[in-house]
Amino acid sequence: MQNSPVSSLVGEEYEVEVGPVAHGGHCIARTEAGRVLFVRHALPGERVVARVTEGEETSRFLRADAVTILDPSKDRVEAPCPFAGPGKCGGCDWQHAKPGAQRRLKGEVIAEQLLRLAGLTPEEAGWDGTVMPAEGDKLPQGEVPQWRTRVQYAIDADGHAGLRKHRSHDVEVIDHCMIAAPGVSELGIEKRDWENMASVEAIAASGSNDRQVVLTPKPGGRLPLVELDKPVSVLRVDEKDGGVHRVHGRAFVRERADERTYRVGNGGFWQVHPKAAQTLMLAVMQGLTPRKGETALDLYCGVGLFAGAIADRVGDQGAVLGIESGKRAVEDARHNLAGFPRVRVEQGKVESVLPRTGITEVDLIVLDPPRAGAGKQTVHHLATLGARRIAYVACDPAALARDLAYFADRGYKVRTLRAFDLFPMTHHVECVAILEPVKKDA
């Protein structure tokens, strides 16, 4: 006996009352029959017509776009970008919301994740509930912060540059990205033909005039002669090993933070918002308050941003160990921190390298893990080292909340939490949590 085919609900429309914001750039709604919808391009309290974009009769929930706004929120604005909206570019989530409303929505998501996954209220997390804009990002209505110093362009079958649609491999061809930094826009990526390329990443360093494009050819695709509107270095991604190789120009860009220059090679990681590195570095240093002679760990250290800042403050009698999995990032970190003889950087995964170091105690820890978080094993190990303060830098509030719960299980509480809107127009948000050991009763 054959199973009957599952019926797709894509294209079905429901008139719904929009409920609270949820993690991921959408709001929750329910159909009259009680079916849960995750609705993009909506705002809490609105009444909309939601068209299903993903889901079947048996799905636990459906994904949908608000295609008609019947009763708009006072926080709604017309999206300034012509490529934003249902079925279009997936790069931005909140173009239809006022900037202040975007930050409130992000704050609500953080609060919900903290309570649900860590059992913490904002007060218990030492957080005032606000999400702070980056310096210079408060602009008149209709103007958009041009903050994205790195843009990964997808290339369609005709060689045109664009951005991916939401949860799709389809390309929305664009002629300009409104949130791209001026240094990216001036390269003119969207104006030229990229035949045989799968993607083109444009990087405009905020700490220098360095410009870079990283080309990923289609299988067997020949590299084009790159002539852009501004001087630029060119790198390519090898289709066999995924490595990044220099074609011409510098293999790195130069960035600035804490009055120090950092080399970032081969398209490696650096915070995307021009103010992000300095903002997060200051938040971490203010939370940790490093003292002369202290020892510290910088985990998932990248090219050494936090290690350099800590080393500067603990002085010649202090010591810092950085751990980073990326080979090129480790090379850059060692170059960037060469002026600090008491700083060491090890390559490998934190959960593998840290136990091998033999370190049993440390004064300070900073960790800036990938989106998935540090995880229970690493958190439990860190809690045994007796650090007087730990700074946790998080790009995902759910992962942060899960790891804070693991820390709480091992005797660390949150002292303060700060949130920063370093990804305007998107649902992403950056947090810095400062933890300290729970004082045991005498």
Protein backbone atom coordinates (compact mmCIF):
# COMPACT_ATOMS: atom_id res chain seq x y z
CA MET A 1 0.00 0.00 0.00
CA GLN A 2 1.52 3.31 -1.10
CA ASN A 3 1.55 6.40 1.09
CA SER A 4 -0.49 9.27 -0.33
CA PRO A 5 1.65 12.23 -1.44
CA VAL A 6 2.05 15.07 1.06
CA SER A 7 0.22 18.18 -0.10
CA SER A 8 2.31 21.36 -0.43
CA LEU A 9 0.76 24.55 0.98
CA VAL A 10 3.11 26.91 -0.89
CA GLY A 11 1.05 29.73 -2.39
CA GLU A 12 -1.84 29.37 0.05
CA GLU A 13 -2.91 32.67 1.64
CA TYR A 14 -4.22 33.34 5.14
CA GLU A 15 -5.52 36.53 6.73
CA VAL A 16 -3.88 36.66 10.14
CA GLU A 17 -3.22 38.84 13.17
CA VAL A 18 0.57 39.13 13.59
CA GLY A 19 1.92 38.21 17.01
CA PRO A 20 5.34 38.70 18.62
CA VAL A 21 8.70 38.85 16.89
CA ALA A 22 10.71 35.61 16.81
CA HIS A 23 14.42 34.88 16.42
CA GLY A 24 15.29 34.86 12.71
CA GLY A 25 13.75 38.02 11.22
CA HIS A 26 10.07 37.07 11.27
CA CYS A 27 6.98 37.30 13.45
CA ILE A 28 4.66 34.56 14.68
CA ALA A 29 1.04 34.31 13.58
CA ARG A 30 -1.64 31.62 13.69
CA THR A 31 -4.30 30.72 11.18
CA GLU A 32 -7.91 30.33 12.32
CA ALA A 33 -7.25 26.59 12.42
CA GLY A 34 -4.34 27.18 14.81
CA ARG A 35 -1.52 26.48 12.35
CA VAL A 36 1.69 28.41 13.18
CA LEU A 37 3.12 30.78 10.57
CA PHE A 38 6.57 32.41 10.62
CA VAL A 39 5.80 35.60 8.70
CA ARG A 40 8.47 37.83 7.16
CA HIS A 41 7.87 41.47 6.14
CA ALA A 42 5.33 41.86 8.95
CA LEU A 43 5.37 43.66 12.32
CA PRO A 44 3.75 42.73 15.64
CA GLY A 45 0.13 43.83 15.92
CA GLU A 46 -0.50 44.12 12.18
CA ARG A 47 -3.27 42.37 10.27
CA VAL A 48 -1.91 40.98 7.01
CA VAL A 49 -2.49 38.54 4.22
CA ALA A 50 0.31 35.98 4.54
CA ARG A 51 1.29 33.84 1.55
CA VAL A 52 2.98 30.52 2.35
CA THR A 53 6.51 30.23 0.94
CA GLU A 54 7.50 26.93 2.56
CA GLY A 55 5.59 24.06 4.15
CA GLU A 56 3.26 21.12 3.71
CA GLU A 57 0.11 19.76 5.33
CA THR A 58 2.24 17.78 7.79
CA SER A 59 4.71 20.60 8.62
CA ARG A 60 5.02 21.68 12.26
CA PHE A 61 4.95 25.30 11.06
CA LEU A 62 4.78 27.19 7.79
CA ARG A 63 6.96 30.00 6.49
CA ALA A 64 5.17 32.92 4.83
CA ASP A 65 5.50 36.45 3.46
CA ALA A 66 3.15 39.30 4.32
CA VAL A 67 1.98 40.21 0.81
CA THR A 68 -0.85 42.61 1.78
CA ILE A 69 -0.86 44.84 4.84
CA LEU A 70 -4.48 45.32 5.96
CA ASP A 71 -3.81 47.13 9.25
CA PRO A 72 -0.26 48.56 9.41
CA SER A 73 1.79 49.15 12.54
CA LYS A 74 2.80 52.70 13.45
CA ASP A 75 6.37 51.41 13.21
CA ARG A 76 5.98 50.52 9.52
CA VAL A 77 7.74 52.53 6.80
CA GLU A 78 8.03 51.99 3.11
CA ALA A 79 11.17 49.93 2.49
CA PRO A 80 13.80 52.35 1.14
CA CYS A 81 15.43 49.59 -0.91
CA PRO A 82 13.65 48.59 -4.15
CA PHE A 83 15.02 45.06 -3.82
CA ALA A 84 13.55 44.44 -0.35
CA GLY A 85 10.20 42.73 0.09
CA PRO A 86 8.35 39.45 -0.42
CA GLY A 87 10.11 37.19 -2.91
CA LYS A 88 13.05 39.57 -3.34
CA CYS A 89 16.53 39.90 -1.78
CA GLY A 90 16.98 38.00 1.48
CA GLY A 91 19.79 40.16 2.81
CA CYS A 92 17.65 42.49 4.93
CA ASP A 93 14.84 41.53 7.30
CA TRP A 94 13.56 44.85 8.67
CA GLN A 95 13.66 47.42 5.86
CA HIS A 96 9.94 47.96 6.51
CA ALA A 97 10.47 49.01 10.15
CA LYS A 98 11.63 52.32 11.61
CA PRO A 99 15.23 52.12 12.92
CA GLY A 100 14.12 52.52 16.55
CA ALA A 101 11.55 49.77 16.06
CA GLN A 102 14.21 47.47 14.61
CA ARG A 103 16.29 47.86 17.75
CA ARG A 104 13.25 47.25 19.97
CA LEU A 105 12.45 44.06 18.04
CA LYS A 106 16.03 42.84 18.46
CA GLY A 107 15.82 43.61 22.18
CA GLU A 108 12.60 41.58 22.45
CA VAL A 109 14.31 38.63 20.74
CA ILE A 110 17.29 38.80 23.13
CA ALA A 111 14.97 38.99 26.15
CA GLU A 112 12.89 36.04 24.92
CA GLN A 113 15.96 33.87 24.27
CA LEU A 114 17.51 34.73 27.65
CA LEU A 115 14.33 33.81 29.50
CA ARG A 116 13.53 30.67 27.51
CA LEU A 117 17.04 29.19 27.28
CA ALA A 118 18.86 30.60 30.33
CA GLY A 119 15.98 31.39 32.70
CA LEU A 120 17.19 34.99 32.99
CA THR A 121 15.21 38.21 33.03
CA PRO A 122 16.95 41.34 31.68
CA GLU A 123 17.45 42.51 35.28
CA GLU A 124 19.08 39.21 36.25
CA ALA A 125 21.40 39.54 33.23
CA GLY A 126 22.42 43.06 34.21
CA TRP A 127 20.91 44.44 31.01
CA ASP A 128 18.77 47.54 30.66
CA GLY A 129 16.89 46.05 27.70
CA THR A 130 18.20 48.45 25.09
CA VAL A 131 20.04 47.69 21.85
CA MET A 132 22.48 50.49 21.14
CA PRO A 133 23.00 51.85 17.62
CA ALA A 134 26.56 52.19 16.38
CA GLU A 135 28.04 55.66 16.32
CA GLY A 136 26.82 57.53 13.24
CA ASP A 137 23.97 55.11 12.46
CA LYS A 138 21.15 57.40 13.65
CA LEU A 139 20.03 58.89 10.34
CA PRO A 140 16.96 60.78 9.05
CA GLN A 141 14.00 58.67 7.94
CA GLY A 142 14.53 57.19 4.49
CA GLU A 143 18.33 57.15 4.85
CA VAL A 144 20.02 53.82 5.46
CA PRO A 145 23.38 53.24 7.25
CA GLN A 146 25.99 52.21 4.68
CA TRP A 147 27.74 49.80 6.98
CA ARG A 148 28.42 46.59 5.10
CA THR A 149 32.17 46.60 4.38
CA ARG A 150 31.96 43.05 2.95
CA VAL A 151 29.33 41.98 0.44
CA GLN A 152 29.11 38.48 -1.02
CA TYR A 153 27.50 38.81 -4.46
CA ALA A 154 25.92 35.75 -6.03
CA ILE A 155 26.15 35.50 -9.83
CA ASP A 156 23.20 34.36 -11.94
CA ALA A 157 23.33 32.20 -15.09
CA ASP A 158 23.81 35.30 -17.27
CA GLY A 159 26.79 36.61 -15.29
CA HIS A 160 24.86 39.34 -13.46
CA ALA A 161 25.68 40.16 -9.82
CA GLY A 162 22.99 40.06 -7.17
CA LEU A 163 22.09 38.73 -3.75
CA ARG A 164 20.37 35.50 -2.75
CA LYS A 165 16.66 35.45 -2.09
CA HIS A 166 15.58 34.34 1.39
CA ARG A 167 16.27 30.61 2.00
CA SER A 168 16.92 30.15 -1.71
CA HIS A 169 19.71 29.71 -4.25
CA ASP A 170 17.85 32.05 -6.61
CA VAL A 171 19.59 35.35 -7.32
CA GLU A 172 17.92 38.77 -7.06
CA VAL A 173 19.91 40.85 -9.56
CA ILE A 174 20.58 44.33 -8.16
CA ASP A 175 22.19 47.53 -9.38
CA HIS A 176 23.11 48.77 -5.89
CA CYS A 177 23.04 47.51 -2.29
CA MET A 178 21.85 50.31 0.01
CA ILE A 179 23.59 48.95 3.11
CA ALA A 180 26.93 48.43 1.33
CA ALA A 181 29.73 50.69 2.54
CA PRO A 182 30.81 53.41 0.07
CA GLY A 183 34.10 51.57 -0.46
CA VAL A 184 32.20 48.51 -1.71
CA SER A 185 29.76 50.47 -3.86
CA GLU A 186 32.51 52.41 -5.59
CA LEU A 187 33.99 49.19 -6.99
CA GLY A 188 31.02 48.88 -9.36
CA ILE A 189 30.63 45.09 -9.00
CA GLU A 190 27.01 45.23 -10.15
CA LYS A 191 27.86 46.98 -13.42
CA ARG A 192 30.05 44.36 -15.02
CA ASP A 193 29.69 40.85 -16.42
CA TRP A 194 30.88 37.95 -14.22
CA GLU A 195 30.46 35.08 -16.62
CA ASN A 196 31.92 31.80 -15.27
CA MET A 197 31.88 33.10 -11.69
CA ALA A 198 29.79 31.53 -8.93
CA SER A 199 30.28 34.42 -6.50
CA VAL A 200 32.23 37.65 -6.02
CA GLU A 201 32.99 38.98 -2.56
CA ALA A 202 33.85 42.67 -2.28
CA ILE A 203 35.82 43.91 0.75
CA ALA A 204 36.44 47.55 1.60
CA ALA A 205 38.62 47.91 4.68
CA SER A 206 37.41 50.58 7.10
CA GLY A 207 40.88 51.03 8.63
CA SER A 208 42.62 51.84 5.34
CA ASN A 209 41.91 52.40 1.65
CA ASP A 210 42.54 48.71 0.91
CA ARG A 211 40.01 47.14 -1.47
CA GLN A 212 39.77 43.47 -2.36
CA VAL A 213 37.62 41.11 -4.42
CA VAL A 214 37.53 37.36 -3.82
CA LEU A 215 36.40 35.40 -6.88
CA THR A 216 34.86 31.94 -6.72
CA PRO A 217 34.74 30.47 -10.25
CA LYS A 218 32.14 27.95 -11.38
CA PRO A 219 33.67 24.48 -11.87
CA GLY A 220 36.12 24.81 -14.77
CA GLY A 221 35.43 28.54 -15.08
CA ARG A 222 38.27 30.77 -16.25
CA LEU A 223 39.21 33.80 -14.22
CA PRO A 224 38.17 37.08 -15.85
CA LEU A 225 40.43 40.08 -16.31
CA VAL A 226 39.21 42.22 -13.42
CA GLU A 227 38.98 45.92 -14.23
CA LEU A 228 36.92 47.74 -11.64
CA ASP A 229 36.26 51.41 -10.95
CA LYS A 230 38.88 51.65 -8.19
CA PRO A 231 42.29 50.01 -7.52
CA VAL A 232 41.69 46.61 -6.00
CA SER A 233 43.51 43.40 -5.05
CA VAL A 234 42.16 40.17 -6.50
CA LEU A 235 42.05 36.73 -4.85
CA ARG A 236 40.47 33.51 -6.02
CA VAL A 237 38.97 30.52 -4.25
CA ASP A 238 40.45 27.23 -5.44
CA GLU A 239 37.68 24.85 -6.52
CA LYS A 240 39.68 21.80 -5.40
CA ASP A 241 40.76 22.65 -1.84
CA GLY A 242 38.66 25.74 -1.11
CA GLY A 243 41.83 27.70 -0.32
CA VAL A 244 42.11 31.40 -1.14
CA HIS A 245 45.00 32.40 -3.41
CA ARG A 246 46.30 35.82 -4.43
CA VAL A 247 45.97 36.73 -8.12
CA HIS A 248 47.38 40.24 -7.90
CA GLY A 249 47.78 42.99 -5.32
CA ARG A 250 47.96 42.43 -1.57
CA ALA A 251 46.75 39.17 -0.07
CA PHE A 252 45.43 41.13 2.93
CA VAL A 253 43.63 44.30 3.95
CA ARG A 254 44.59 46.55 6.85
CA GLU A 255 42.08 47.32 9.59
CA ARG A 256 42.31 49.55 12.67
CA ALA A 257 41.14 49.15 16.27
CA ASP A 258 42.48 50.26 19.66
CA GLU A 259 44.99 52.52 17.85
CA ARG A 260 46.60 49.45 16.29
CA THR A 261 46.70 48.16 12.72
CA TYR A 262 45.60 44.58 12.06
CA ARG A 263 46.39 42.60 8.94
CA VAL A 264 43.47 40.48 7.72
CA GLY A 265 44.48 38.07 4.97
CA ASN A 266 42.77 36.10 2.22
CA GLY A 267 39.29 37.42 2.86
CA GLY A 268 39.58 36.42 6.54
CA PHE A 269 37.18 37.43 9.32
CA TRP A 270 36.91 40.99 10.57
CA GLN A 271 33.77 42.64 11.92
CA VAL A 272 31.68 43.91 9.00
CA HIS A 273 30.39 47.18 10.47
CA PRO A 274 33.10 49.89 10.38
CA LYS A 275 32.53 50.71 14.08
CA ALA A 276 32.08 47.12 15.27
CA ALA A 277 35.65 46.13 16.14
CA GLN A 278 36.26 49.25 18.23
CA THR A 279 32.81 49.08 19.86
CA LEU A 280 33.17 45.44 20.89
CA MET A 281 36.80 45.83 21.96
CA LEU A 282 35.85 48.69 24.30
CA ALA A 283 32.88 46.77 25.71
CA VAL A 284 35.11 43.77 26.43
CA MET A 285 37.88 45.83 28.03
CA GLN A 286 35.43 47.83 30.14
CA GLY A 287 33.86 44.58 31.32
CA LEU A 288 37.07 42.68 32.03
CA THR A 289 39.07 45.60 33.50
CA PRO A 290 42.45 43.89 32.83
CA ARG A 291 45.14 44.53 35.43
CA LYS A 292 48.90 44.57 35.08
CA GLY A 293 50.44 41.13 35.32
CA GLU A 294 47.26 39.14 34.69
CA THR A 295 46.96 36.09 32.45
CA ALA A 296 44.25 35.74 29.82
CA LEU A 297 42.78 33.47 27.16
CA ASP A 298 41.41 34.80 23.86
CA LEU A 299 39.38 31.95 22.34
CA TYR A 300 38.27 31.93 18.69
CA CYS A 301 40.72 34.83 18.49
CA GLY A 302 40.67 35.48 14.73
CA VAL A 303 43.45 37.88 13.79
CA GLY A 304 44.03 38.90 17.43
CA LEU A 305 41.74 41.88 18.11
CA PHE A 306 40.99 41.11 21.77
CA ALA A 307 44.37 39.46 22.46
CA GLY A 308 46.12 42.66 21.39
CA ALA A 309 43.89 44.87 23.52
CA ILE A 310 44.36 42.66 26.60
CA ALA A 311 48.12 42.33 26.07
CA ASP A 312 48.41 46.10 25.92
CA ARG A 313 46.72 46.37 29.31
CA VAL A 314 48.27 43.46 31.26
CA GLY A 315 51.77 44.63 30.34
CA ASP A 316 55.09 42.79 30.16
CA GLN A 317 54.39 40.78 33.30
CA GLY A 318 51.10 39.48 31.97
CA ALA A 319 50.51 36.78 29.36
CA VAL A 320 47.85 36.01 26.74
CA LEU A 321 47.13 32.78 24.87
CA GLY A 322 45.01 32.96 21.72
CA ILE A 323 43.40 29.92 20.08
CA GLU A 324 42.05 30.02 16.51
CA SER A 325 41.18 27.27 14.04
CA GLY A 326 41.88 29.14 10.77
CA LYS A 327 45.44 28.71 9.51
CA ARG A 328 45.67 32.07 7.74
CA ALA A 329 44.03 33.87 10.68
CA VAL A 330 46.66 32.39 13.01
CA GLU A 331 49.44 33.62 10.70
CA ASP A 332 47.87 37.08 10.73
CA ALA A 333 47.38 37.04 14.50
CA ARG A 334 51.03 36.13 15.07
CA HIS A 335 52.06 38.96 12.72
CA ASN A 336 49.68 41.44 14.36
CA LEU A 337 50.81 40.55 17.88
CA ALA A 338 54.53 40.20 17.20
CA GLY A 339 55.21 43.26 19.36
CA PHE A 340 53.97 41.40 22.46
CA PRO A 341 56.54 38.76 23.51
CA ARG A 342 54.15 37.39 26.14
CA VAL A 343 51.40 36.58 23.64
CA ARG A 344 51.14 33.13 22.05
CA VAL A 345 48.67 31.98 19.40
CA GLU A 346 47.87 28.30 18.84
CA GLN A 347 46.06 26.86 15.84
CA GLY A 348 43.22 24.37 16.20
CA LYS A 349 39.73 23.96 17.56
CA VAL A 350 39.30 25.36 21.04
CA GLU A 351 37.86 22.11 22.42
CA SER A 352 40.94 20.23 21.18
CA VAL A 353 43.74 22.71 21.84
CA LEU A 354 42.71 24.07 25.24
CA PRO A 355 43.00 20.75 27.13
CA ARG A 356 46.45 20.17 25.58
CA THR A 357 47.84 23.47 26.86
CA GLY A 358 47.92 22.20 30.43
CA ILE A 359 46.53 25.51 31.67
CA THR A 360 44.74 25.03 34.99
CA GLU A 361 44.08 28.64 36.00
CA VAL A 362 43.77 32.01 34.35
CA ASP A 363 42.61 35.49 35.38
CA LEU A 364 40.58 36.54 32.35
CA ILE A 365 38.86 34.85 29.42
CA VAL A 366 37.34 36.34 26.28
CA LEU A 367 35.52 34.12 23.82
CA ASP A 368 33.94 35.12 20.51
CA PRO A 369 32.63 31.79 19.19
CA PRO A 370 30.96 31.14 15.82
CA ARG A 371 27.19 31.37 15.49
CA ALA A 372 26.62 27.92 17.04
CA GLY A 373 28.21 29.05 20.32
CA ALA A 374 30.96 27.47 22.44
CA GLY A 375 28.93 24.47 23.65
CA LYS A 376 28.65 22.61 26.94
CA GLN A 377 32.04 20.84 26.81
CA THR A 378 34.05 24.03 26.29
CA VAL A 379 32.01 26.06 28.79
CA HIS A 380 32.44 23.41 31.49
CA HIS A 381 36.21 23.37 30.88
CA LEU A 382 36.44 27.17 31.06
CA ALA A 383 34.54 27.22 34.35
CA THR A 384 37.30 25.09 35.96
CA LEU A 385 39.99 27.70 35.27
CA GLY A 386 38.88 30.11 38.00
CA ALA A 387 38.80 33.28 35.88
CA ARG A 388 37.69 36.32 37.84
CA ARG A 389 35.88 37.60 34.75
CA ILE A 390 34.81 36.15 31.41
CA ALA A 391 33.73 38.21 28.39
CA TYR A 392 31.44 36.40 25.96
CA VAL A 393 30.97 38.09 22.56
CA ALA A 394 27.95 36.65 20.75
CA CYS A 395 26.44 37.15 17.30
CA ASP A 396 23.52 34.84 18.09
CA PRO A 397 21.30 35.42 21.17
CA ALA A 398 20.08 31.80 21.23
CA ALA A 399 23.61 30.38 21.36
CA LEU A 400 24.55 32.98 23.96
CA ALA A 401 21.60 32.06 26.18
CA ARG A 402 22.35 28.33 25.93
CA ASP A 403 25.98 28.88 26.89
CA LEU A 404 25.03 31.22 29.76
CA ALA A 405 22.90 28.39 31.15
CA TYR A 406 25.92 26.06 30.95
CA PHE A 407 28.05 28.65 32.76
CA ALA A 408 25.38 29.00 35.44
CA ASP A 409 25.49 25.24 36.00
CA ARG A 410 29.20 25.62 36.74
CA GLY A 411 29.02 28.58 39.09
CA TYR A 412 29.26 31.64 36.83
CA LYS A 413 26.61 34.36 36.70
CA VAL A 414 26.12 37.24 34.29
CA ARG A 415 27.35 40.53 35.72
CA THR A 416 26.37 42.76 32.79
CA LEU A 417 25.06 42.37 29.26
CA ARG A 418 25.19 44.94 26.48
CA ALA A 419 23.62 44.69 23.03
CA PHE A 420 24.69 46.55 19.89
CA ASP A 421 22.90 47.01 16.58
CA LEU A 422 25.89 46.37 14.33
CA PHE A 423 23.79 44.89 11.50
CA PRO A 424 21.07 47.49 10.76
CA MET A 425 18.14 46.36 8.59
CA THR A 426 18.88 42.68 9.36
CA HIS A 427 17.76 40.55 12.32
CA HIS A 428 21.35 40.06 13.49
CA VAL A 429 22.56 41.64 16.72
CA GLU A 430 25.80 41.52 18.71
CA CYS A 431 25.95 41.05 22.49
CA VAL A 432 28.73 41.25 25.06
CA ALA A 433 28.10 39.43 28.34
CA ILE A 434 30.47 39.76 31.29
CA LEU A 435 30.43 36.83 33.72
CA GLU A 436 31.95 36.34 37.14
CA PRO A 437 32.00 33.49 39.67
CA VAL A 438 29.09 33.28 42.08
CA LYS A 439 30.34 34.19 45.56
CA LYS A 440 30.07 31.18 47.81
CA ASP A 441 28.58 31.77 51.25
CA ALA A 442 31.15 31.65 54.00
